[in-house]
Amino acid sequence: MKILALETSCDETAAAIIEDGRHVHANVIRSQADFHAKYGGVIPEMAARQHLETINFIIEEALAQGNCTLDQIDAIAATLGPGLIGALLVGANTAKTLSFITQKPFLGVNHLYAHIASNYLESNLEPPFICLLISGGHTQILHVANYNQITLLGETLDDAIGEAYDKVARVLGLPYPGGPLLDQLAQSGNANAYTLPHAKTEHPFDFSYSGLKTAVLRLFQKECADNTPSEEIQQNIAAAFQEAATDVLIQKTLLAAESHHIQTIAVAGGVAANSAVRRKFQQALLGRAGWMFYVPALKYCTDNAAMVGASAFFNPITQDITTEVFSRT
């Protein structure tokens, strides 16, 4: 089954052609990051207009890359939510129009399910597994019992980890989007130069990053009274923050897996591209007999249409879903 999938939930306009939920024939992404950088973040109305201007060209490029015509497509898919409403409408209405014109089925996709499904691309991963979903808007531990039964085990009580990364990056004077730049900066720093707090939560699988973010701000103000930090101070603060922020991710995800007697862990979302997250999980599972770790290729971590095509195959939705749908145990 070949699916033409579209993704326009935020600031990436993307189209992909996916076969049977795993094989990628085409994957085209046009990022708006440079456009929004001068504003310090995504402007929803402008993002929607950018999608309108590029979506048709992206679809044509995906069909050419996949050496495919619309006649050879079996279904059309698009993200329905959560995301920026105006941006989502561009992809959803385009996909529904193509579905009507070609008389191919339309498959709606939940954006969070799609991030989980990024781990199915070019891999043999099958449920059950524990998934850590980490992005600019979400920090969640999920129990994926089967393709359509996903239970929320824990989540952030305030800032998502990606949001915390971007806010700390701004404190350090890094441009938008700051998360990847902070990761790069941290790799040159000394994580032991400063001690930053690890938040304690009432529920063992929940997270909190607001206190860590505030602690970094206070540390920066103490070390850099004139707001002009040296490169070494920048690197060390970034490294200390990254150490504290990622430690808790690994610890709580492993605890959730052990508590549910599951030995397969997957990570999804934009922050799955973070070098410390990948390295620490691999180190933590080293020597644990029978344990498996899955993480998408870097090109499938941030928003993309390939994951939408995978999710459309394994767990399509039949109505517009614009909010989180996971229920907590």
Protein backbone atom coordinates (compact mmCIF):
# COMPACT_ATOMS: atom_id res chain seq x y z
CA MET A 1 0.00 0.00 0.00
CA LYS A 2 1.52 3.31 -1.12
CA ILE A 3 0.49 6.42 0.80
CA LEU A 4 1.13 10.04 -0.19
CA ALA A 5 1.44 11.84 3.16
CA LEU A 6 1.46 15.56 3.98
CA GLU A 7 2.68 17.33 7.12
CA THR A 8 2.00 21.02 7.86
CA SER A 9 1.39 21.13 11.61
CA CYS A 10 3.95 23.86 12.37
CA ASP A 11 6.81 25.30 10.31
CA GLU A 12 7.81 22.41 8.05
CA THR A 13 6.01 21.81 4.77
CA ALA A 14 6.56 18.15 3.97
CA ALA A 15 5.39 15.40 1.63
CA ALA A 16 6.41 11.75 1.49
CA ILE A 17 5.53 8.49 -0.22
CA ILE A 18 5.52 5.51 2.13
CA GLU A 19 4.85 1.86 1.32
CA ASP A 20 3.33 -0.48 3.92
CA GLY A 21 4.18 1.91 6.73
CA ARG A 22 7.92 1.21 6.67
CA HIS A 23 9.54 1.71 3.28
CA VAL A 24 10.30 5.33 2.30
CA HIS A 25 10.11 6.04 -1.43
CA ALA A 26 10.28 9.83 -1.07
CA ASN A 27 10.70 12.29 1.79
CA VAL A 28 10.69 16.02 1.03
CA ILE A 29 10.85 18.73 3.71
CA ARG A 30 10.88 22.52 3.31
CA SER A 31 11.71 24.18 6.65
CA GLN A 32 10.58 27.71 7.51
CA ALA A 33 13.13 28.06 10.33
CA ASP A 34 15.17 30.74 8.58
CA PHE A 35 12.02 32.71 7.78
CA HIS A 36 10.83 32.73 11.41
CA ALA A 37 14.30 33.19 12.95
CA LYS A 38 14.10 36.98 12.73
CA TYR A 39 10.99 36.90 14.92
CA GLY A 40 12.53 34.58 17.52
CA GLY A 41 9.83 31.94 17.03
CA VAL A 42 7.07 30.69 14.76
CA ILE A 43 4.35 33.18 13.75
CA PRO A 44 1.27 30.97 13.12
CA GLU A 45 -0.40 33.12 10.43
CA MET A 46 2.85 33.51 8.50
CA ALA A 47 3.54 29.78 8.80
CA ALA A 48 0.16 29.00 7.21
CA ARG A 49 0.87 31.39 4.32
CA GLN A 50 4.26 29.79 3.73
CA HIS A 51 2.60 26.37 3.57
CA LEU A 52 0.10 27.65 1.01
CA GLU A 53 2.88 28.95 -1.19
CA THR A 54 4.96 25.76 -1.16
CA ILE A 55 2.66 22.76 -0.65
CA ASN A 56 1.97 22.05 -4.36
CA PHE A 57 5.67 22.22 -5.24
CA ILE A 58 6.54 19.88 -2.34
CA ILE A 59 3.98 17.32 -3.53
CA GLU A 60 5.34 17.45 -7.08
CA GLU A 61 8.88 17.00 -5.79
CA ALA A 62 7.86 13.99 -3.67
CA LEU A 63 6.14 12.30 -6.62
CA ALA A 64 9.22 12.91 -8.78
CA GLN A 65 11.58 11.66 -6.08
CA GLY A 66 9.48 8.53 -5.62
CA ASN A 67 9.21 8.02 -9.40
CA CYS A 68 5.47 7.80 -8.87
CA THR A 69 2.21 9.25 -10.22
CA LEU A 70 -1.01 9.93 -8.35
CA ASP A 71 -2.55 6.96 -10.15
CA GLN A 72 -0.03 4.71 -8.40
CA ILE A 73 -0.95 6.07 -4.96
CA ASP A 74 -3.40 4.02 -2.86
CA ALA A 75 -4.33 6.64 -0.24
CA ILE A 76 -3.73 10.28 0.74
CA ALA A 77 -2.85 11.16 4.34
CA ALA A 78 -2.35 14.35 6.34
CA THR A 79 -1.83 15.48 9.91
CA LEU A 80 -5.07 16.70 11.50
CA GLY A 81 -3.67 17.79 14.87
CA PRO A 82 -2.43 18.80 17.31
CA GLY A 83 -0.64 21.79 15.81
CA LEU A 84 -1.22 25.32 14.52
CA ILE A 85 -4.80 25.42 13.25
CA GLY A 86 -4.15 27.53 10.15
CA ALA A 87 -1.11 25.48 9.20
CA LEU A 88 -2.93 22.19 9.73
CA LEU A 89 -5.79 23.29 7.48
CA VAL A 90 -3.42 23.76 4.55
CA GLY A 91 -2.21 20.17 4.61
CA ALA A 92 -5.56 18.63 5.53
CA ASN A 93 -7.54 20.51 2.88
CA THR A 94 -4.91 19.80 0.22
CA ALA A 95 -4.96 16.08 1.05
CA LYS A 96 -8.78 15.95 1.12
CA THR A 97 -8.92 17.73 -2.25
CA LEU A 98 -6.48 15.26 -3.78
CA SER A 99 -8.51 12.43 -2.27
CA PHE A 100 -11.69 13.77 -3.88
CA ILE A 101 -10.06 14.34 -7.26
CA THR A 102 -8.33 10.96 -7.43
CA GLN A 103 -11.06 9.01 -5.60
CA LYS A 104 -8.41 7.63 -3.25
CA PRO A 105 -9.15 7.17 0.49
CA PHE A 106 -8.22 10.01 2.84
CA LEU A 107 -6.44 8.99 6.06
CA GLY A 108 -6.19 11.41 8.97
CA VAL A 109 -3.23 11.24 11.35
CA ASN A 110 -2.63 12.43 14.88
CA HIS A 111 0.70 14.26 15.07
CA LEU A 112 1.79 12.53 18.28
CA TYR A 113 1.00 9.08 16.92
CA ALA A 114 3.06 10.05 13.87
CA HIS A 115 6.12 10.83 15.97
CA ILE A 116 5.83 7.40 17.60
CA ALA A 117 5.44 5.84 14.14
CA SER A 118 8.73 7.43 13.01
CA ASN A 119 10.35 4.45 14.75
CA TYR A 120 8.60 2.05 12.36
CA LEU A 121 10.32 3.61 9.35
CA GLU A 122 13.09 1.41 7.95
CA SER A 123 13.02 -0.74 11.11
CA ASN A 124 11.47 -3.93 12.48
CA LEU A 125 10.07 -2.38 15.67
CA GLU A 126 6.71 -3.78 16.76
CA PRO A 127 4.68 -3.20 19.94
CA PRO A 128 4.73 -3.60 22.84
CA PHE A 129 7.32 -1.01 23.86
CA ILE A 130 7.83 2.05 26.03
CA CYS A 131 8.12 5.28 24.06
CA LEU A 132 9.65 8.52 25.31
CA LEU A 133 8.06 11.31 23.25
CA ILE A 134 10.15 14.48 23.55
CA SER A 135 9.67 17.66 21.55
CA GLY A 136 9.12 21.39 21.86
CA GLY A 137 5.58 20.81 23.04
CA HIS A 138 5.62 17.38 24.67
CA THR A 139 7.54 15.33 27.20
CA GLN A 140 5.67 12.07 27.74
CA ILE A 141 6.34 8.45 28.63
CA LEU A 142 3.94 6.19 26.74
CA HIS A 143 3.12 2.50 26.93
CA VAL A 144 2.54 1.33 23.35
CA ALA A 145 0.66 -1.93 23.91
CA ASN A 146 -0.22 -2.28 20.22
CA TYR A 147 -0.42 0.00 17.21
CA ASN A 148 -3.67 1.59 18.37
CA GLN A 149 -3.55 1.19 22.15
CA ILE A 150 -1.25 3.80 23.68
CA THR A 151 -1.39 4.76 27.35
CA LEU A 152 0.13 7.82 28.97
CA LEU A 153 2.34 6.87 31.92
CA GLY A 154 3.81 10.28 32.70
CA GLU A 155 4.27 13.77 31.29
CA THR A 156 5.71 17.17 32.06
CA LEU A 157 3.88 19.29 34.61
CA ASP A 158 5.09 22.54 33.04
CA ASP A 159 7.68 23.11 30.29
CA ALA A 160 8.36 20.42 27.71
CA ILE A 161 12.04 19.59 27.37
CA GLY A 162 12.31 21.13 23.90
CA GLU A 163 10.71 24.31 25.20
CA ALA A 164 13.18 24.37 28.10
CA TYR A 165 16.07 23.93 25.66
CA ASP A 166 14.89 26.88 23.56
CA LYS A 167 14.39 29.11 26.61
CA VAL A 168 17.82 28.29 28.05
CA ALA A 169 19.35 28.85 24.61
CA ARG A 170 17.79 32.31 24.58
CA VAL A 171 19.28 33.03 28.02
CA LEU A 172 22.69 32.09 26.62
CA GLY A 173 22.19 34.40 23.65
CA LEU A 174 21.75 31.70 21.01
CA PRO A 175 19.49 32.40 18.01
CA TYR A 176 16.25 30.57 17.16
CA PRO A 177 15.90 27.63 16.95
CA GLY A 178 18.15 27.31 19.96
CA GLY A 179 17.82 23.66 20.98
CA PRO A 180 20.19 22.12 18.41
CA LEU A 181 22.70 24.96 18.92
CA LEU A 182 22.67 24.41 22.68
CA ASP A 183 23.34 20.71 22.10
CA GLN A 184 26.37 21.58 19.97
CA LEU A 185 27.62 24.09 22.56
CA ALA A 186 27.23 21.58 25.40
CA GLN A 187 29.52 19.08 23.68
CA SER A 188 32.45 21.46 24.22
CA GLY A 189 31.61 22.24 27.85
CA ASN A 190 32.26 20.71 31.26
CA ALA A 191 29.01 19.28 32.64
CA ASN A 192 30.56 19.10 36.12
CA ALA A 193 31.40 22.80 36.25
CA TYR A 194 28.01 23.54 37.85
CA THR A 195 25.46 21.51 39.78
CA LEU A 196 21.87 22.03 38.65
CA PRO A 197 18.71 20.58 40.24
CA HIS A 198 16.82 17.46 39.21
CA ALA A 199 13.14 18.10 39.88
CA LYS A 200 11.24 15.67 42.06
CA THR A 201 7.61 14.98 41.20
CA GLU A 202 4.84 13.24 43.10
CA HIS A 203 4.27 10.74 40.29
CA PRO A 204 7.43 8.76 39.45
CA PHE A 205 7.00 9.10 35.67
CA ASP A 206 6.18 12.83 35.54
CA PHE A 207 8.65 15.60 34.66
CA SER A 208 9.18 19.25 35.57
CA TYR A 209 11.57 21.62 33.83
CA SER A 210 10.49 25.07 35.05
CA GLY A 211 12.74 24.90 38.13
CA LEU A 212 15.75 23.81 36.08
CA LYS A 213 15.13 26.61 33.61
CA THR A 214 14.96 29.17 36.46
CA ALA A 215 18.13 27.75 38.05
CA VAL A 216 20.00 28.24 34.76
CA LEU A 217 18.76 31.85 34.56
CA ARG A 218 19.96 32.56 38.12
CA LEU A 219 23.31 30.88 37.38
CA PHE A 220 23.74 32.94 34.23
CA GLN A 221 22.94 36.17 36.11
CA LYS A 222 25.49 35.26 38.78
CA GLU A 223 28.26 34.32 36.35
CA CYS A 224 27.58 37.06 33.80
CA ALA A 225 26.58 40.27 35.51
CA ASP A 226 27.06 42.23 32.28
CA ASN A 227 25.18 39.64 30.15
CA THR A 228 28.28 39.02 28.04
CA PRO A 229 29.45 35.51 29.00
CA SER A 230 32.75 34.09 27.89
CA GLU A 231 32.65 31.17 25.48
CA GLU A 232 33.79 28.85 28.29
CA ILE A 233 30.98 29.94 30.61
CA GLN A 234 28.44 29.49 27.81
CA GLN A 235 29.74 26.00 27.07
CA ASN A 236 29.80 24.94 30.73
CA ILE A 237 26.29 26.22 31.49
CA ALA A 238 24.98 24.50 28.36
CA ALA A 239 26.70 21.24 29.33
CA ALA A 240 25.44 21.38 32.93
CA PHE A 241 21.89 22.07 31.76
CA GLN A 242 21.98 19.29 29.19
CA GLU A 243 23.31 16.84 31.78
CA ALA A 244 20.53 17.61 34.26
CA ALA A 245 17.77 17.79 31.63
CA THR A 246 18.60 14.47 29.98
CA ASP A 247 19.52 12.48 33.11
CA VAL A 248 15.92 12.49 34.29
CA LEU A 249 14.65 11.39 30.87
CA ILE A 250 16.73 8.24 30.89
CA GLN A 251 16.11 7.43 34.56
CA LYS A 252 12.32 7.72 34.41
CA THR A 253 11.96 5.95 31.07
CA LEU A 254 13.99 2.98 32.31
CA LEU A 255 11.94 2.92 35.52
CA ALA A 256 8.71 2.86 33.48
CA ALA A 257 10.01 0.01 31.31
CA GLU A 258 11.09 -2.02 34.34
CA SER A 259 7.78 -1.38 36.10
CA HIS A 260 5.84 -2.69 33.10
CA HIS A 261 8.23 -5.59 32.43
CA ILE A 262 9.04 -4.31 28.94
CA GLN A 263 12.56 -4.47 27.52
CA THR A 264 12.07 -2.42 24.35
CA ILE A 265 12.44 1.36 24.47
CA ALA A 266 11.87 3.85 21.66
CA VAL A 267 12.44 7.60 21.60
CA ALA A 268 10.53 9.97 19.31
CA GLY A 269 10.11 13.68 18.63
CA GLY A 270 12.46 16.49 17.73
CA VAL A 271 14.58 16.13 20.87
CA ALA A 272 15.24 12.50 19.90
CA ALA A 273 17.92 14.05 17.68
CA ASN A 274 19.77 15.28 20.77
CA SER A 275 23.23 13.75 21.03
CA ALA A 276 23.13 13.31 24.83
CA VAL A 277 19.76 11.52 24.76
CA ARG A 278 20.98 9.02 22.17
CA ARG A 279 24.32 8.45 23.89
CA LYS A 280 22.92 8.07 27.40
CA PHE A 281 20.24 5.56 26.39
CA GLN A 282 22.80 3.46 24.53
CA GLN A 283 25.13 3.56 27.54
CA ALA A 284 22.32 2.77 30.00
CA LEU A 285 21.21 -0.30 28.04
CA LEU A 286 24.71 -1.57 27.33
CA GLY A 287 25.08 -4.99 28.90
CA ARG A 288 21.37 -5.40 29.66
CA ALA A 289 20.64 -8.75 28.03
CA GLY A 290 17.52 -8.77 25.89
CA TRP A 291 16.95 -5.01 25.97
CA MET A 292 16.38 -3.17 22.67
CA PHE A 293 16.65 0.55 21.91
CA TYR A 294 15.11 2.27 18.90
CA VAL A 295 15.53 5.87 17.78
CA PRO A 296 14.60 7.29 14.35
CA ALA A 297 17.19 8.46 11.84
CA LEU A 298 17.85 12.16 12.37
CA LYS A 299 15.79 13.11 9.29
CA TYR A 300 12.72 11.47 10.87
CA CYS A 301 13.02 13.09 14.33
CA THR A 302 11.74 16.57 13.54
CA ASP A 303 8.39 17.09 11.80
CA ASN A 304 8.26 15.20 8.50
CA ALA A 305 5.70 13.51 6.27
CA ALA A 306 7.35 10.07 6.28
CA MET A 307 6.22 9.53 9.86
CA VAL A 308 2.74 10.69 8.85
CA GLY A 309 2.67 8.02 6.14
CA ALA A 310 3.78 5.37 8.63
CA SER A 311 1.11 6.39 11.12
CA ALA A 312 -1.53 6.48 8.39
CA PHE A 313 -0.78 2.84 7.65
CA PHE A 314 -0.62 1.56 11.23
CA ASN A 315 -3.10 3.79 13.08
CA PRO A 316 -5.19 6.20 10.97
CA ILE A 317 -7.90 8.24 12.69
CA THR A 318 -11.39 8.74 11.33
CA GLN A 319 -12.18 12.17 12.75
CA ASP A 320 -10.38 15.48 13.24
CA ILE A 321 -8.09 15.20 16.27
CA THR A 322 -6.58 18.52 17.28
CA THR A 323 -5.71 17.73 20.90
CA GLU A 324 -3.68 15.14 22.77
CA VAL A 325 -5.53 11.83 22.87
CA PHE A 326 -3.52 9.68 25.27
CA SER A 327 -5.27 8.70 28.49
CA ARG A 328 -3.33 8.27 31.73
CA THR A 329 -3.33 5.01 33.66
